[in-house]
Amino acid sequence: GERAGKPFVPVNCGALVESLLESELFGHVRGAFTGADQAKRGLFVAASGGTLFLDEIGELPLSLQPKLLRALQDGEIKPVGGVESSRVDMRVVAATNRDLREALAAGQFREDLYYRLAVITIDVPPLRARREDIRPLAERFAEAAAVRARRGRVELSDAAGAWLEAQPWPGNV
């Protein structure tokens, strides 16, 4: 699409400290808080024209969800401590390992933000629920490792494939 080749900015919403998350996403002006000795553009601005990938969106604190919703609805952000808003234009892709419908019911995720993000959803079951994908994935990763190591062709034995397929896979790929 037209955003191919434009910035791709990944943000792990679960890994950022809540007190810094707003500044990371929207930026801040000089003097906005202790230690803000210079202005910083946020990740929304860095992704402008491209794609902002909000990984682990289900971990986003409730206190920041209205600000994210407003940015997505209006296409404008205001840096922490700033008075002027600026326009941003980016595609937003969000991912989570949580069931956001459960989080809605528990009051842990805003319904309006959920529907703003869930325009197109792709549910990817965990690897343990699609064991037929394990061998092709393992073969692909083995080939990539062989290329990086400058080795010849690598093949998985039937025993290795069966062992991988028998694993519990508590996470995902």
N, C-alpha and C. Protein backbone atom coordinates (compact mmCIF):
# COMPACT_ATOMS: atom_id res chain seq x y z
N GLY A 1 0.82 -1.19 0.00
CA GLY A 1 0.00 0.00 0.00
C GLY A 1 0.86 1.25 0.00
N GLU A 2 0.20 2.35 0.11
CA GLU A 2 0.92 3.63 0.05
C GLU A 2 1.80 3.88 1.27
N ARG A 3 1.61 3.13 2.34
CA ARG A 3 2.44 3.31 3.54
C ARG A 3 3.66 2.38 3.54
N ALA A 4 3.76 1.53 2.54
CA ALA A 4 4.93 0.65 2.45
C ALA A 4 6.17 1.52 2.28
N GLY A 5 7.21 1.17 2.98
CA GLY A 5 8.43 1.95 2.91
C GLY A 5 8.45 3.17 3.82
N LYS A 6 7.33 3.43 4.46
CA LYS A 6 7.24 4.54 5.41
C LYS A 6 7.59 4.01 6.80
N PRO A 7 7.69 4.87 7.80
CA PRO A 7 8.10 4.39 9.13
C PRO A 7 7.18 3.30 9.69
N PHE A 8 7.80 2.32 10.30
CA PHE A 8 7.08 1.30 11.06
C PHE A 8 7.60 1.42 12.48
N VAL A 9 6.73 1.83 13.40
CA VAL A 9 7.15 2.12 14.77
C VAL A 9 6.44 1.17 15.73
N PRO A 10 7.17 0.17 16.25
CA PRO A 10 6.55 -0.74 17.22
C PRO A 10 6.64 -0.19 18.64
N VAL A 11 5.57 -0.38 19.41
CA VAL A 11 5.52 0.06 20.79
C VAL A 11 5.00 -1.10 21.62
N ASN A 12 5.76 -1.53 22.61
CA ASN A 12 5.28 -2.58 23.51
C ASN A 12 4.62 -1.89 24.70
N CYS A 13 3.28 -1.84 24.66
CA CYS A 13 2.52 -1.12 25.69
C CYS A 13 2.69 -1.75 27.07
N GLY A 14 3.03 -3.02 27.13
CA GLY A 14 3.20 -3.68 28.41
C GLY A 14 4.59 -3.51 29.01
N ALA A 15 5.55 -3.08 28.20
CA ALA A 15 6.92 -2.97 28.69
C ALA A 15 7.28 -1.57 29.16
N LEU A 16 6.47 -0.59 28.79
CA LEU A 16 6.77 0.79 29.18
C LEU A 16 6.18 1.10 30.55
N VAL A 17 6.90 1.84 31.33
CA VAL A 17 6.44 2.26 32.64
C VAL A 17 5.27 3.22 32.45
N GLU A 18 4.20 3.01 33.22
CA GLU A 18 2.98 3.81 33.04
C GLU A 18 3.26 5.31 33.10
N SER A 19 4.13 5.73 34.00
CA SER A 19 4.41 7.16 34.14
C SER A 19 5.12 7.75 32.92
N LEU A 20 5.76 6.91 32.11
CA LEU A 20 6.46 7.40 30.92
C LEU A 20 5.71 7.14 29.62
N LEU A 21 4.68 6.32 29.68
CA LEU A 21 3.99 5.89 28.47
C LEU A 21 3.40 7.06 27.69
N GLU A 22 2.76 7.98 28.37
CA GLU A 22 2.15 9.13 27.69
C GLU A 22 3.22 9.95 26.97
N SER A 23 4.34 10.18 27.64
CA SER A 23 5.43 10.93 27.02
C SER A 23 6.02 10.18 25.83
N GLU A 24 6.14 8.86 25.96
CA GLU A 24 6.68 8.05 24.85
C GLU A 24 5.75 8.12 23.64
N LEU A 25 4.45 8.01 23.86
CA LEU A 25 3.50 8.01 22.75
C LEU A 25 3.32 9.40 22.14
N PHE A 26 3.13 10.41 22.97
CA PHE A 26 2.76 11.73 22.47
C PHE A 26 3.89 12.76 22.50
N GLY A 27 5.01 12.41 23.13
CA GLY A 27 6.11 13.35 23.25
C GLY A 27 5.90 14.29 24.43
N HIS A 28 6.86 15.18 24.63
CA HIS A 28 6.73 16.18 25.69
C HIS A 28 7.48 17.43 25.30
N VAL A 29 7.12 18.53 25.93
CA VAL A 29 7.81 19.79 25.71
C VAL A 29 8.88 19.95 26.78
N ARG A 30 9.83 20.79 26.49
CA ARG A 30 10.89 21.07 27.45
C ARG A 30 10.28 21.62 28.73
N GLY A 31 10.69 21.09 29.87
CA GLY A 31 10.22 21.56 31.16
C GLY A 31 8.88 20.97 31.60
N ALA A 32 8.35 20.00 30.84
CA ALA A 32 7.04 19.42 31.17
C ALA A 32 7.06 18.69 32.50
N PHE A 33 8.21 18.14 32.86
CA PHE A 33 8.35 17.43 34.13
C PHE A 33 9.83 17.40 34.47
N THR A 34 10.14 17.00 35.68
CA THR A 34 11.53 16.94 36.13
C THR A 34 12.32 16.03 35.20
N GLY A 35 13.40 16.53 34.68
CA GLY A 35 14.24 15.76 33.78
C GLY A 35 13.95 16.01 32.31
N ALA A 36 12.89 16.72 32.00
CA ALA A 36 12.56 17.02 30.60
C ALA A 36 13.33 18.28 30.19
N ASP A 37 14.65 18.12 30.02
CA ASP A 37 15.48 19.28 29.72
C ASP A 37 15.45 19.66 28.24
N GLN A 38 14.80 18.83 27.42
CA GLN A 38 14.60 19.17 26.01
C GLN A 38 13.30 18.54 25.53
N ALA A 39 12.75 19.10 24.48
CA ALA A 39 11.52 18.57 23.91
C ALA A 39 11.81 17.22 23.26
N LYS A 40 10.80 16.37 23.25
CA LYS A 40 10.95 15.05 22.62
C LYS A 40 9.71 14.77 21.80
N ARG A 41 9.92 14.39 20.55
CA ARG A 41 8.77 14.01 19.74
C ARG A 41 8.36 12.60 20.14
N GLY A 42 7.10 12.32 20.11
CA GLY A 42 6.60 11.02 20.53
C GLY A 42 6.56 10.03 19.39
N LEU A 43 6.17 8.81 19.73
CA LEU A 43 6.13 7.74 18.75
C LEU A 43 5.02 7.94 17.73
N PHE A 44 3.94 8.65 18.10
CA PHE A 44 2.91 8.99 17.11
C PHE A 44 3.51 9.84 16.00
N VAL A 45 4.30 10.82 16.36
CA VAL A 45 4.92 11.68 15.36
C VAL A 45 5.95 10.88 14.55
N ALA A 46 6.70 10.02 15.23
CA ALA A 46 7.70 9.20 14.53
C ALA A 46 7.05 8.29 13.50
N ALA A 47 5.82 7.86 13.76
CA ALA A 47 5.12 6.95 12.84
C ALA A 47 4.31 7.68 11.78
N SER A 48 4.22 8.98 11.86
CA SER A 48 3.37 9.74 10.94
C SER A 48 3.72 9.42 9.49
N GLY A 49 2.69 9.08 8.74
CA GLY A 49 2.87 8.68 7.34
C GLY A 49 3.01 7.18 7.18
N GLY A 50 3.33 6.49 8.28
CA GLY A 50 3.56 5.05 8.23
C GLY A 50 2.62 4.28 9.13
N THR A 51 3.20 3.38 9.92
CA THR A 51 2.42 2.48 10.76
C THR A 51 2.90 2.53 12.20
N LEU A 52 1.96 2.67 13.12
CA LEU A 52 2.25 2.57 14.55
C LEU A 52 1.72 1.22 15.01
N PHE A 53 2.60 0.36 15.50
CA PHE A 53 2.21 -0.98 15.95
C PHE A 53 2.16 -0.98 17.46
N LEU A 54 0.95 -1.06 18.02
CA LEU A 54 0.75 -1.07 19.46
C LEU A 54 0.66 -2.52 19.92
N ASP A 55 1.80 -3.06 20.30
CA ASP A 55 1.85 -4.45 20.77
C ASP A 55 1.42 -4.51 22.22
N GLU A 56 0.77 -5.57 22.59
CA GLU A 56 0.24 -5.77 23.95
C GLU A 56 -0.67 -4.61 24.36
N ILE A 57 -1.57 -4.22 23.46
CA ILE A 57 -2.50 -3.12 23.73
C ILE A 57 -3.38 -3.43 24.94
N GLY A 58 -3.60 -4.69 25.23
CA GLY A 58 -4.42 -5.07 26.38
C GLY A 58 -3.78 -4.69 27.70
N GLU A 59 -2.50 -4.36 27.71
CA GLU A 59 -1.80 -3.95 28.93
C GLU A 59 -1.80 -2.44 29.11
N LEU A 60 -2.39 -1.71 28.18
CA LEU A 60 -2.42 -0.25 28.27
C LEU A 60 -3.24 0.18 29.49
N PRO A 61 -2.67 0.98 30.36
CA PRO A 61 -3.41 1.40 31.57
C PRO A 61 -4.70 2.13 31.22
N LEU A 62 -5.73 1.91 32.03
CA LEU A 62 -7.01 2.58 31.82
C LEU A 62 -6.86 4.10 31.77
N SER A 63 -5.93 4.64 32.55
CA SER A 63 -5.76 6.09 32.60
C SER A 63 -5.29 6.68 31.27
N LEU A 64 -4.63 5.89 30.44
CA LEU A 64 -4.13 6.38 29.16
C LEU A 64 -5.07 6.07 28.00
N GLN A 65 -6.01 5.18 28.20
CA GLN A 65 -6.90 4.77 27.12
C GLN A 65 -7.72 5.91 26.52
N PRO A 66 -8.27 6.85 27.34
CA PRO A 66 -9.02 7.97 26.72
C PRO A 66 -8.13 8.85 25.84
N LYS A 67 -6.88 9.03 26.23
CA LYS A 67 -5.97 9.86 25.44
C LYS A 67 -5.63 9.19 24.12
N LEU A 68 -5.45 7.87 24.16
CA LEU A 68 -5.19 7.13 22.92
C LEU A 68 -6.43 7.18 22.02
N LEU A 69 -7.60 6.99 22.61
CA LEU A 69 -8.84 7.04 21.84
C LEU A 69 -8.98 8.39 21.14
N ARG A 70 -8.74 9.45 21.88
CA ARG A 70 -8.87 10.79 21.29
C ARG A 70 -7.88 10.98 20.14
N ALA A 71 -6.66 10.51 20.31
CA ALA A 71 -5.66 10.64 19.25
C ALA A 71 -6.09 9.87 18.01
N LEU A 72 -6.66 8.69 18.21
CA LEU A 72 -7.11 7.89 17.08
C LEU A 72 -8.33 8.51 16.39
N GLN A 73 -9.25 9.05 17.18
CA GLN A 73 -10.45 9.65 16.61
C GLN A 73 -10.16 10.95 15.87
N ASP A 74 -9.35 11.80 16.49
CA ASP A 74 -9.14 13.14 15.96
C ASP A 74 -7.93 13.24 15.04
N GLY A 75 -7.01 12.28 15.13
CA GLY A 75 -5.79 12.38 14.33
C GLY A 75 -4.89 13.50 14.81
N GLU A 76 -5.05 13.86 16.08
CA GLU A 76 -4.24 14.92 16.67
C GLU A 76 -3.70 14.47 18.01
N ILE A 77 -2.49 14.91 18.30
CA ILE A 77 -1.88 14.62 19.60
C ILE A 77 -1.38 15.92 20.22
N LYS A 78 -1.33 15.91 21.53
CA LYS A 78 -0.76 17.05 22.25
C LYS A 78 0.33 16.51 23.15
N PRO A 79 1.57 17.00 23.01
CA PRO A 79 2.64 16.51 23.86
C PRO A 79 2.40 16.85 25.33
N VAL A 80 2.95 16.04 26.21
CA VAL A 80 2.84 16.28 27.64
C VAL A 80 3.40 17.67 27.94
N GLY A 81 2.61 18.48 28.64
CA GLY A 81 3.02 19.83 28.99
C GLY A 81 2.82 20.83 27.87
N GLY A 82 2.35 20.39 26.73
CA GLY A 82 2.14 21.29 25.60
C GLY A 82 0.75 21.88 25.58
N VAL A 83 0.58 22.93 24.80
CA VAL A 83 -0.74 23.55 24.65
C VAL A 83 -1.25 23.41 23.22
N GLU A 84 -0.37 23.18 22.29
CA GLU A 84 -0.74 23.08 20.88
C GLU A 84 -0.81 21.62 20.46
N SER A 85 -1.86 21.29 19.73
CA SER A 85 -1.99 19.95 19.16
C SER A 85 -1.36 19.93 17.78
N SER A 86 -0.92 18.76 17.37
CA SER A 86 -0.41 18.62 16.01
C SER A 86 -1.07 17.42 15.35
N ARG A 87 -1.27 17.51 14.04
CA ARG A 87 -1.91 16.45 13.27
C ARG A 87 -0.93 15.32 13.02
N VAL A 88 -1.44 14.11 13.10
CA VAL A 88 -0.66 12.93 12.75
C VAL A 88 -1.51 12.05 11.84
N ASP A 89 -0.86 11.37 10.94
CA ASP A 89 -1.55 10.51 10.00
C ASP A 89 -0.78 9.21 9.91
N MET A 90 -1.35 8.17 10.48
CA MET A 90 -0.69 6.88 10.42
C MET A 90 -1.72 5.77 10.49
N ARG A 91 -1.29 4.61 10.04
CA ARG A 91 -2.10 3.40 10.21
C ARG A 91 -1.75 2.86 11.59
N VAL A 92 -2.75 2.35 12.30
CA VAL A 92 -2.51 1.77 13.61
C VAL A 92 -2.86 0.29 13.56
N VAL A 93 -1.90 -0.52 13.99
CA VAL A 93 -2.10 -1.96 14.11
C VAL A 93 -1.89 -2.28 15.58
N ALA A 94 -2.82 -3.02 16.16
CA ALA A 94 -2.71 -3.36 17.58
C ALA A 94 -2.76 -4.88 17.74
N ALA A 95 -2.03 -5.38 18.73
CA ALA A 95 -2.01 -6.82 19.00
C ALA A 95 -2.04 -7.04 20.50
N THR A 96 -2.58 -8.17 20.89
CA THR A 96 -2.59 -8.53 22.30
C THR A 96 -2.74 -10.04 22.44
N ASN A 97 -2.28 -10.56 23.56
CA ASN A 97 -2.51 -11.98 23.84
C ASN A 97 -3.68 -12.14 24.79
N ARG A 98 -4.27 -11.03 25.22
CA ARG A 98 -5.42 -11.06 26.12
C ARG A 98 -6.71 -11.09 25.31
N ASP A 99 -7.75 -11.62 25.90
CA ASP A 99 -9.06 -11.58 25.29
C ASP A 99 -9.67 -10.24 25.68
N LEU A 100 -9.69 -9.29 24.75
CA LEU A 100 -10.17 -7.95 25.07
C LEU A 100 -11.67 -7.92 25.37
N ARG A 101 -12.41 -8.88 24.85
CA ARG A 101 -13.84 -8.93 25.19
C ARG A 101 -14.01 -9.25 26.69
N GLU A 102 -13.15 -10.11 27.21
CA GLU A 102 -13.17 -10.39 28.66
C GLU A 102 -12.74 -9.15 29.44
N ALA A 103 -11.72 -8.45 28.93
CA ALA A 103 -11.24 -7.24 29.59
C ALA A 103 -12.34 -6.17 29.60
N LEU A 104 -13.14 -6.10 28.53
CA LEU A 104 -14.28 -5.17 28.49
C LEU A 104 -15.26 -5.49 29.61
N ALA A 105 -15.62 -6.76 29.70
CA ALA A 105 -16.59 -7.20 30.71
C ALA A 105 -16.09 -6.94 32.12
N ALA A 106 -14.77 -7.02 32.31
CA ALA A 106 -14.18 -6.82 33.64
C ALA A 106 -13.88 -5.34 33.92
N GLY A 107 -14.19 -4.46 32.95
CA GLY A 107 -13.94 -3.04 33.14
C GLY A 107 -12.47 -2.67 33.05
N GLN A 108 -11.67 -3.49 32.40
CA GLN A 108 -10.23 -3.24 32.29
C GLN A 108 -9.83 -2.64 30.95
N PHE A 109 -10.79 -2.53 30.03
CA PHE A 109 -10.51 -1.95 28.72
C PHE A 109 -11.75 -1.20 28.27
N ARG A 110 -11.55 -0.02 27.73
CA ARG A 110 -12.67 0.83 27.31
C ARG A 110 -13.34 0.27 26.06
N GLU A 111 -14.66 0.24 26.10
CA GLU A 111 -15.42 -0.28 24.96
C GLU A 111 -15.23 0.57 23.71
N ASP A 112 -15.25 1.89 23.87
CA ASP A 112 -15.11 2.76 22.70
C ASP A 112 -13.73 2.62 22.05
N LEU A 113 -12.70 2.43 22.85
CA LEU A 113 -11.36 2.20 22.30
C LEU A 113 -11.30 0.84 21.61
N TYR A 114 -11.91 -0.15 22.22
CA TYR A 114 -11.94 -1.48 21.61
C TYR A 114 -12.55 -1.41 20.21
N TYR A 115 -13.70 -0.76 20.08
CA TYR A 115 -14.35 -0.71 18.77
C TYR A 115 -13.61 0.18 17.79
N ARG A 116 -12.88 1.16 18.27
CA ARG A 116 -12.05 1.99 17.39
C ARG A 116 -10.89 1.16 16.82
N LEU A 117 -10.34 0.25 17.63
CA LEU A 117 -9.21 -0.57 17.20
C LEU A 117 -9.65 -1.82 16.43
N ALA A 118 -10.83 -2.34 16.72
CA ALA A 118 -11.25 -3.64 16.17
C ALA A 118 -11.98 -3.50 14.84
N VAL A 119 -11.55 -2.59 13.99
CA VAL A 119 -12.17 -2.41 12.68
C VAL A 119 -11.99 -3.69 11.86
N ILE A 120 -10.79 -4.19 11.82
CA ILE A 120 -10.49 -5.47 11.18
C ILE A 120 -9.73 -6.29 12.22
N THR A 121 -10.25 -7.46 12.56
CA THR A 121 -9.57 -8.30 13.55
C THR A 121 -9.12 -9.59 12.90
N ILE A 122 -7.98 -10.04 13.32
CA ILE A 122 -7.43 -11.32 12.88
C ILE A 122 -7.10 -12.10 14.14
N ASP A 123 -7.86 -13.14 14.40
CA ASP A 123 -7.59 -13.98 15.56
C ASP A 123 -6.61 -15.08 15.15
N VAL A 124 -5.48 -15.13 15.81
CA VAL A 124 -4.48 -16.16 15.54
C VAL A 124 -4.44 -17.07 16.76
N PRO A 125 -4.96 -18.28 16.62
CA PRO A 125 -4.93 -19.20 17.76
C PRO A 125 -3.49 -19.50 18.17
N PRO A 126 -3.29 -19.86 19.43
CA PRO A 126 -1.93 -20.20 19.87
C PRO A 126 -1.42 -21.42 19.11
N LEU A 127 -0.13 -21.54 19.05
CA LEU A 127 0.51 -22.63 18.31
C LEU A 127 0.05 -23.99 18.80
N ARG A 128 -0.20 -24.13 20.08
CA ARG A 128 -0.64 -25.43 20.61
C ARG A 128 -2.00 -25.84 20.05
N ALA A 129 -2.77 -24.89 19.49
CA ALA A 129 -4.08 -25.20 18.92
C ALA A 129 -4.00 -25.44 17.41
N ARG A 130 -2.81 -25.30 16.84
CA ARG A 130 -2.63 -25.52 15.40
C ARG A 130 -1.31 -26.25 15.15
N ARG A 131 -1.25 -27.44 15.67
CA ARG A 131 -0.02 -28.23 15.62
C ARG A 131 0.46 -28.51 14.20
N GLU A 132 -0.43 -28.46 13.23
CA GLU A 132 -0.04 -28.69 11.84
C GLU A 132 0.91 -27.60 11.33
N ASP A 133 0.99 -26.48 12.02
CA ASP A 133 1.89 -25.39 11.62
C ASP A 133 3.29 -25.53 12.21
N ILE A 134 3.45 -26.41 13.19
CA ILE A 134 4.73 -26.50 13.91
C ILE A 134 5.87 -26.92 13.00
N ARG A 135 5.71 -28.00 12.26
CA ARG A 135 6.79 -28.49 11.41
C ARG A 135 7.18 -27.48 10.33
N PRO A 136 6.23 -26.91 9.56
CA PRO A 136 6.65 -25.91 8.57
C PRO A 136 7.35 -24.69 9.18
N LEU A 137 6.89 -24.26 10.34
CA LEU A 137 7.56 -23.14 11.01
C LEU A 137 8.98 -23.53 11.43
N ALA A 138 9.12 -24.70 12.02
CA ALA A 138 10.44 -25.16 12.46
C ALA A 138 11.38 -25.29 11.26
N GLU A 139 10.88 -25.81 10.15
CA GLU A 139 11.72 -25.93 8.95
C GLU A 139 12.15 -24.56 8.44
N ARG A 140 11.23 -23.61 8.46
CA ARG A 140 11.56 -22.26 8.00
C ARG A 140 12.61 -21.61 8.91
N PHE A 141 12.44 -21.75 10.24
CA PHE A 141 13.42 -21.19 11.16
C PHE A 141 14.77 -21.88 11.03
N ALA A 142 14.77 -23.19 10.80
CA ALA A 142 16.02 -23.93 10.63
C ALA A 142 16.74 -23.47 9.35
N GLU A 143 15.98 -23.27 8.28
CA GLU A 143 16.59 -22.77 7.03
C GLU A 143 17.20 -21.38 7.23
N ALA A 144 16.49 -20.51 7.91
CA ALA A 144 17.00 -19.15 8.16
C ALA A 144 18.26 -19.20 9.01
N ALA A 145 18.28 -20.07 10.02
CA ALA A 145 19.47 -20.20 10.87
C ALA A 145 20.64 -20.74 10.06
N ALA A 146 20.38 -21.68 9.15
CA ALA A 146 21.44 -22.25 8.32
C ALA A 146 22.04 -21.18 7.39
N VAL A 147 21.20 -20.33 6.84
CA VAL A 147 21.68 -19.26 5.97
C VAL A 147 22.55 -18.30 6.78
N ARG A 148 22.08 -17.91 7.97
CA ARG A 148 22.88 -17.00 8.81
C ARG A 148 24.21 -17.62 9.19
N ALA A 149 24.22 -18.93 9.44
CA ALA A 149 25.45 -19.61 9.85
C ALA A 149 26.29 -20.06 8.66
N ARG A 150 25.80 -19.79 7.45
CA ARG A 150 26.48 -20.18 6.21
C ARG A 150 26.71 -21.69 6.16
N ARG A 151 25.66 -22.40 6.51
CA ARG A 151 25.67 -23.86 6.46
C ARG A 151 24.88 -24.32 5.25
N GLY A 152 25.00 -25.58 4.95
CA GLY A 152 24.23 -26.16 3.85
C GLY A 152 22.78 -26.34 4.24
N ARG A 153 22.06 -27.00 3.40
CA ARG A 153 20.63 -27.24 3.64
C ARG A 153 20.43 -28.04 4.92
N VAL A 154 19.42 -27.67 5.69
CA VAL A 154 19.11 -28.32 6.94
C VAL A 154 17.73 -28.95 6.81
N GLU A 155 17.61 -30.17 7.27
CA GLU A 155 16.30 -30.82 7.27
C GLU A 155 16.01 -31.35 8.66
N LEU A 156 14.75 -31.27 9.04
CA LEU A 156 14.32 -31.82 10.33
C LEU A 156 14.04 -33.30 10.14
N SER A 157 14.54 -34.09 11.06
CA SER A 157 14.21 -35.52 11.00
C SER A 157 12.75 -35.70 11.43
N ASP A 158 12.19 -36.85 11.09
CA ASP A 158 10.82 -37.14 11.53
C ASP A 158 10.74 -37.13 13.05
N ALA A 159 11.77 -37.65 13.70
CA ALA A 159 11.78 -37.70 15.16
C ALA A 159 11.79 -36.28 15.75
N ALA A 160 12.58 -35.38 15.16
CA ALA A 160 12.64 -33.99 15.65
C ALA A 160 11.30 -33.30 15.45
N GLY A 161 10.69 -33.52 14.28
CA GLY A 161 9.38 -32.93 14.02
C GLY A 161 8.33 -33.45 14.98
N ALA A 162 8.33 -34.74 15.22
CA ALA A 162 7.36 -35.34 16.15
C ALA A 162 7.59 -34.81 17.57
N TRP A 163 8.85 -34.65 17.97
CA TRP A 163 9.15 -34.12 19.30
C TRP A 163 8.61 -32.69 19.44
N LEU A 164 8.85 -31.85 18.43
CA LEU A 164 8.35 -30.47 18.47
C LEU A 164 6.83 -30.44 18.54
N GLU A 165 6.18 -31.28 17.76
CA GLU A 165 4.71 -31.31 17.74
C GLU A 165 4.13 -31.79 19.08
N ALA A 166 4.92 -32.56 19.84
CA ALA A 166 4.44 -33.10 21.13
C ALA A 166 4.63 -32.12 22.29
N GLN A 167 5.33 -31.02 22.05
CA GLN A 167 5.59 -30.05 23.13
C GLN A 167 4.31 -29.30 23.49
N PRO A 168 4.21 -28.78 24.72
CA PRO A 168 2.98 -28.11 25.16
C PRO A 168 2.77 -26.70 24.56
N TRP A 169 3.81 -26.04 24.13
CA TRP A 169 3.75 -24.69 23.54
C TRP A 169 2.86 -23.75 24.35
N PRO A 170 3.29 -23.40 25.57
CA PRO A 170 2.47 -22.52 26.40
C PRO A 170 2.39 -21.08 25.87
N GLY A 171 3.35 -20.67 25.07
CA GLY A 171 3.31 -19.34 24.48
C GLY A 171 2.87 -19.43 23.03
N ASN A 172 3.57 -18.76 22.16
CA ASN A 172 3.27 -18.84 20.75
C ASN A 172 4.58 -18.78 19.99
N VAL A 173 4.53 -18.61 18.69
CA VAL A 173 5.73 -18.59 17.89
C VAL A 173 6.68 -17.54 18.41
